[in-house]
């Protein structure tokens, strides 16, 4: 009789948080590419199919990013908007002041906000999983 193995996926929370952080750090670039902000320095407007497709894809990502952040609890909105929806992220001391929490609690809230963002974002799976096999 053969051994059957099932593949179970466990969420890697730290890697998921890193992936969401990297994704959100690119928000301003997507905003600019989508034509929702200033044009990127050194880039020339073009009307070819690729640039139009990139612009439309960027617009979808920007809209979905805003939708997800706006759907989160207010404390998570403050953190994510302060870190990622501005040209320059707010300094940590300013976010601590806005949230009313100390460093440790703020860090926990930021980690949760990143995970909640991954859960709500529908255009791609931002979760990172550890594959685990069971016999």
C-alpha atoms as a PDB file:
ATOM      1  CA  UNK A   1       0.000   0.000   0.000  1.00  0.00           C
ATOM      2  CA  UNK A   2       1.418   3.399  -0.953  1.00  0.00           C
ATOM      3  CA  UNK A   3       1.891   6.358   1.310  1.00  0.00           C
ATOM      4  CA  UNK A   4      -0.300   9.294   0.415  1.00  0.00           C
ATOM      5  CA  UNK A   5       1.022  12.737   1.130  1.00  0.00           C
ATOM      6  CA  UNK A   6      -1.091  15.790   1.476  1.00  0.00           C
ATOM      7  CA  UNK A   7       0.271  19.237   0.900  1.00  0.00           C
ATOM      8  CA  UNK A   8      -0.769  21.718   3.523  1.00  0.00           C
ATOM      9  CA  UNK A   9       0.082  25.332   3.332  1.00  0.00           C
ATOM     10  CA  UNK A  10       1.003  27.351   6.395  1.00  0.00           C
ATOM     11  CA  UNK A  11       1.065  31.105   6.141  1.00  0.00           C
ATOM     12  CA  UNK A  12       4.504  32.624   6.604  1.00  0.00           C
ATOM     13  CA  UNK A  13       3.402  35.812   8.337  1.00  0.00           C
ATOM     14  CA  UNK A  14       6.803  37.547   8.300  1.00  0.00           C
ATOM     15  CA  UNK A  15       7.376  36.865   4.601  1.00  0.00           C
ATOM     16  CA  UNK A  16       3.816  37.937   3.804  1.00  0.00           C
ATOM     17  CA  UNK A  17       4.376  41.179   5.707  1.00  0.00           C
ATOM     18  CA  UNK A  18       7.605  41.784   3.750  1.00  0.00           C
ATOM     19  CA  UNK A  19       5.861  41.087   0.443  1.00  0.00           C
ATOM     20  CA  UNK A  20       3.012  43.488   1.252  1.00  0.00           C
ATOM     21  CA  UNK A  21       5.519  46.110   2.430  1.00  0.00           C
ATOM     22  CA  UNK A  22       7.401  45.861  -0.868  1.00  0.00           C
ATOM     23  CA  UNK A  23       4.157  45.932  -2.833  1.00  0.00           C
ATOM     24  CA  UNK A  24       2.900  49.028  -1.009  1.00  0.00           C
ATOM     25  CA  UNK A  25       6.259  50.783  -1.332  1.00  0.00           C
ATOM     26  CA  UNK A  26       5.662  50.666  -5.087  1.00  0.00           C
ATOM     27  CA  UNK A  27       2.313  52.453  -4.712  1.00  0.00           C
ATOM     28  CA  UNK A  28       3.619  55.886  -5.723  1.00  0.00           C
ATOM     29  CA  UNK A  29       5.299  54.493  -8.818  1.00  0.00           C
ATOM     30  CA  UNK A  30       2.026  52.816  -9.857  1.00  0.00           C
ATOM     31  CA  UNK A  31       0.113  56.008  -9.095  1.00  0.00           C
ATOM     32  CA  UNK A  32       2.411  57.990 -11.333  1.00  0.00           C
ATOM     33  CA  UNK A  33       2.354  55.351 -14.058  1.00  0.00           C
ATOM     34  CA  UNK A  34      -1.429  55.271 -13.917  1.00  0.00           C
ATOM     35  CA  UNK A  35      -1.548  58.962 -14.744  1.00  0.00           C
ATOM     36  CA  UNK A  36      -2.986  59.757 -11.319  1.00  0.00           C
ATOM     37  CA  UNK A  37       0.036  61.819 -10.307  1.00  0.00           C
ATOM     38  CA  UNK A  38       2.926  63.595 -11.963  1.00  0.00           C
ATOM     39  CA  UNK A  39       4.736  61.891 -14.799  1.00  0.00           C
ATOM     40  CA  UNK A  40       7.887  59.994 -13.815  1.00  0.00           C
ATOM     41  CA  UNK A  41      11.095  61.966 -14.426  1.00  0.00           C
ATOM     42  CA  UNK A  42      12.762  61.030 -17.693  1.00  0.00           C
ATOM     43  CA  UNK A  43       9.771  59.157 -19.062  1.00  0.00           C
ATOM     44  CA  UNK A  44       8.041  60.217 -22.236  1.00  0.00           C
ATOM     45  CA  UNK A  45       4.344  59.828 -22.833  1.00  0.00           C
ATOM     46  CA  UNK A  46       3.632  57.137 -25.371  1.00  0.00           C
ATOM     47  CA  UNK A  47       0.472  55.685 -26.763  1.00  0.00           C
ATOM     48  CA  UNK A  48       1.640  52.202 -27.709  1.00  0.00           C
ATOM     49  CA  UNK A  49      -0.314  49.177 -26.557  1.00  0.00           C
ATOM     50  CA  UNK A  50       2.201  48.201 -23.871  1.00  0.00           C
ATOM     51  CA  UNK A  51       2.210  51.589 -22.190  1.00  0.00           C
ATOM     52  CA  UNK A  52      -1.590  51.746 -22.290  1.00  0.00           C
ATOM     53  CA  UNK A  53      -1.829  48.249 -20.779  1.00  0.00           C
ATOM     54  CA  UNK A  54       0.691  49.193 -18.062  1.00  0.00           C
ATOM     55  CA  UNK A  55      -1.267  52.345 -17.316  1.00  0.00           C
ATOM     56  CA  UNK A  56      -4.559  50.446 -17.076  1.00  0.00           C
ATOM     57  CA  UNK A  57      -2.993  47.750 -14.889  1.00  0.00           C
ATOM     58  CA  UNK A  58      -1.499  50.403 -12.649  1.00  0.00           C
ATOM     59  CA  UNK A  59      -4.872  52.146 -12.384  1.00  0.00           C
ATOM     60  CA  UNK A  60      -6.513  48.884 -11.306  1.00  0.00           C
ATOM     61  CA  UNK A  61      -3.808  48.276  -8.689  1.00  0.00           C
ATOM     62  CA  UNK A  62      -4.114  51.805  -7.326  1.00  0.00           C
ATOM     63  CA  UNK A  63      -7.910  51.554  -7.075  1.00  0.00           C
ATOM     64  CA  UNK A  64      -7.724  48.136  -5.400  1.00  0.00           C
ATOM     65  CA  UNK A  65      -5.038  49.340  -2.973  1.00  0.00           C
ATOM     66  CA  UNK A  66      -7.190  52.286  -1.938  1.00  0.00           C
ATOM     67  CA  UNK A  67     -10.291  50.092  -1.666  1.00  0.00           C
ATOM     68  CA  UNK A  68      -8.567  47.608   0.628  1.00  0.00           C
ATOM     69  CA  UNK A  69      -6.993  50.240   2.866  1.00  0.00           C
ATOM     70  CA  UNK A  70     -10.295  52.109   3.157  1.00  0.00           C
ATOM     71  CA  UNK A  71     -12.021  48.854   4.175  1.00  0.00           C
ATOM     72  CA  UNK A  72      -9.704  48.297   7.156  1.00  0.00           C
ATOM     73  CA  UNK A  73     -10.256  49.454  10.729  1.00  0.00           C
ATOM     74  CA  UNK A  74      -9.368  53.141  11.202  1.00  0.00           C
ATOM     75  CA  UNK A  75      -6.164  52.435  13.159  1.00  0.00           C
ATOM     76  CA  UNK A  76      -4.830  50.303  10.291  1.00  0.00           C
ATOM     77  CA  UNK A  77      -5.831  52.980   7.789  1.00  0.00           C
ATOM     78  CA  UNK A  78      -3.815  55.587   9.702  1.00  0.00           C
ATOM     79  CA  UNK A  79      -0.749  53.353   9.690  1.00  0.00           C
ATOM     80  CA  UNK A  80      -0.909  52.240   6.053  1.00  0.00           C
ATOM     81  CA  UNK A  81      -1.842  55.665   4.696  1.00  0.00           C
ATOM     82  CA  UNK A  82       0.920  57.286   6.735  1.00  0.00           C
ATOM     83  CA  UNK A  83       3.511  54.812   5.506  1.00  0.00           C
ATOM     84  CA  UNK A  84       2.522  54.157   1.914  1.00  0.00           C
ATOM     85  CA  UNK A  85      -0.019  56.584   0.477  1.00  0.00           C
ATOM     86  CA  UNK A  86       2.175  59.645   0.611  1.00  0.00           C
ATOM     87  CA  UNK A  87       5.155  60.588  -1.484  1.00  0.00           C
ATOM     88  CA  UNK A  88       7.338  60.359   1.628  1.00  0.00           C
ATOM     89  CA  UNK A  89       6.359  58.052   4.510  1.00  0.00           C
ATOM     90  CA  UNK A  90       5.606  59.727   7.809  1.00  0.00           C
ATOM     91  CA  UNK A  91       8.362  59.308  10.406  1.00  0.00           C
ATOM     92  CA  UNK A  92       7.652  56.682  13.040  1.00  0.00           C
ATOM     93  CA  UNK A  93       7.388  59.254  15.842  1.00  0.00           C
ATOM     94  CA  UNK A  94       4.594  60.980  13.941  1.00  0.00           C
ATOM     95  CA  UNK A  95       2.728  57.700  13.416  1.00  0.00           C
ATOM     96  CA  UNK A  96       3.176  56.868  17.102  1.00  0.00           C
ATOM     97  CA  UNK A  97       1.670  60.243  17.933  1.00  0.00           C
ATOM     98  CA  UNK A  98      -1.229  59.810  15.487  1.00  0.00           C
ATOM     99  CA  UNK A  99      -2.076  56.325  16.720  1.00  0.00           C
ATOM    100  CA  UNK A 100      -1.526  57.069  20.390  1.00  0.00           C
ATOM    101  CA  UNK A 101       0.457  53.855  20.868  1.00  0.00           C
ATOM    102  CA  UNK A 102       4.023  53.115  21.925  1.00  0.00           C
ATOM    103  CA  UNK A 103       6.612  51.440  19.690  1.00  0.00           C
ATOM    104  CA  UNK A 104       5.806  47.856  20.626  1.00  0.00           C
ATOM    105  CA  UNK A 105       2.049  48.146  20.163  1.00  0.00           C
ATOM    106  CA  UNK A 106       2.515  50.202  16.990  1.00  0.00           C
ATOM    107  CA  UNK A 107       4.770  47.480  15.533  1.00  0.00           C
ATOM    108  CA  UNK A 108       2.153  44.826  16.292  1.00  0.00           C
ATOM    109  CA  UNK A 109      -0.571  46.947  14.720  1.00  0.00           C
ATOM    110  CA  UNK A 110       1.554  47.551  11.619  1.00  0.00           C
ATOM    111  CA  UNK A 111       2.177  43.806  11.257  1.00  0.00           C
ATOM    112  CA  UNK A 112      -1.556  43.116  11.544  1.00  0.00           C
ATOM    113  CA  UNK A 113      -2.365  45.878   9.049  1.00  0.00           C
ATOM    114  CA  UNK A 114      -0.011  44.327   6.489  1.00  0.00           C
ATOM    115  CA  UNK A 115      -1.589  40.894   6.962  1.00  0.00           C
ATOM    116  CA  UNK A 116      -5.118  42.308   6.721  1.00  0.00           C
ATOM    117  CA  UNK A 117      -4.109  44.098   3.537  1.00  0.00           C
ATOM    118  CA  UNK A 118      -2.872  40.796   2.072  1.00  0.00           C
ATOM    119  CA  UNK A 119      -6.195  39.191   3.005  1.00  0.00           C
ATOM    120  CA  UNK A 120      -8.244  41.895   1.313  1.00  0.00           C
ATOM    121  CA  UNK A 121      -6.241  42.511  -1.858  1.00  0.00           C
ATOM    122  CA  UNK A 122      -7.961  40.700  -4.729  1.00  0.00           C
ATOM    123  CA  UNK A 123      -5.818  41.335  -7.825  1.00  0.00           C
ATOM    124  CA  UNK A 124      -3.066  38.930  -6.755  1.00  0.00           C
ATOM    125  CA  UNK A 125      -2.255  36.732  -3.805  1.00  0.00           C
ATOM    126  CA  UNK A 126       0.185  38.616  -1.608  1.00  0.00           C
ATOM    127  CA  UNK A 127       0.393  35.786   0.924  1.00  0.00           C
ATOM    128  CA  UNK A 128       3.556  33.727   1.264  1.00  0.00           C
ATOM    129  CA  UNK A 129       3.168  30.127   2.362  1.00  0.00           C
ATOM    130  CA  UNK A 130       5.455  27.486   3.791  1.00  0.00           C
ATOM    131  CA  UNK A 131       4.748  24.168   2.141  1.00  0.00           C
ATOM    132  CA  UNK A 132       4.541  21.363   4.679  1.00  0.00           C
ATOM    133  CA  UNK A 133       4.079  17.723   3.860  1.00  0.00           C
ATOM    134  CA  UNK A 134       2.324  15.290   6.177  1.00  0.00           C
ATOM    135  CA  UNK A 135       2.404  11.540   5.912  1.00  0.00           C
END
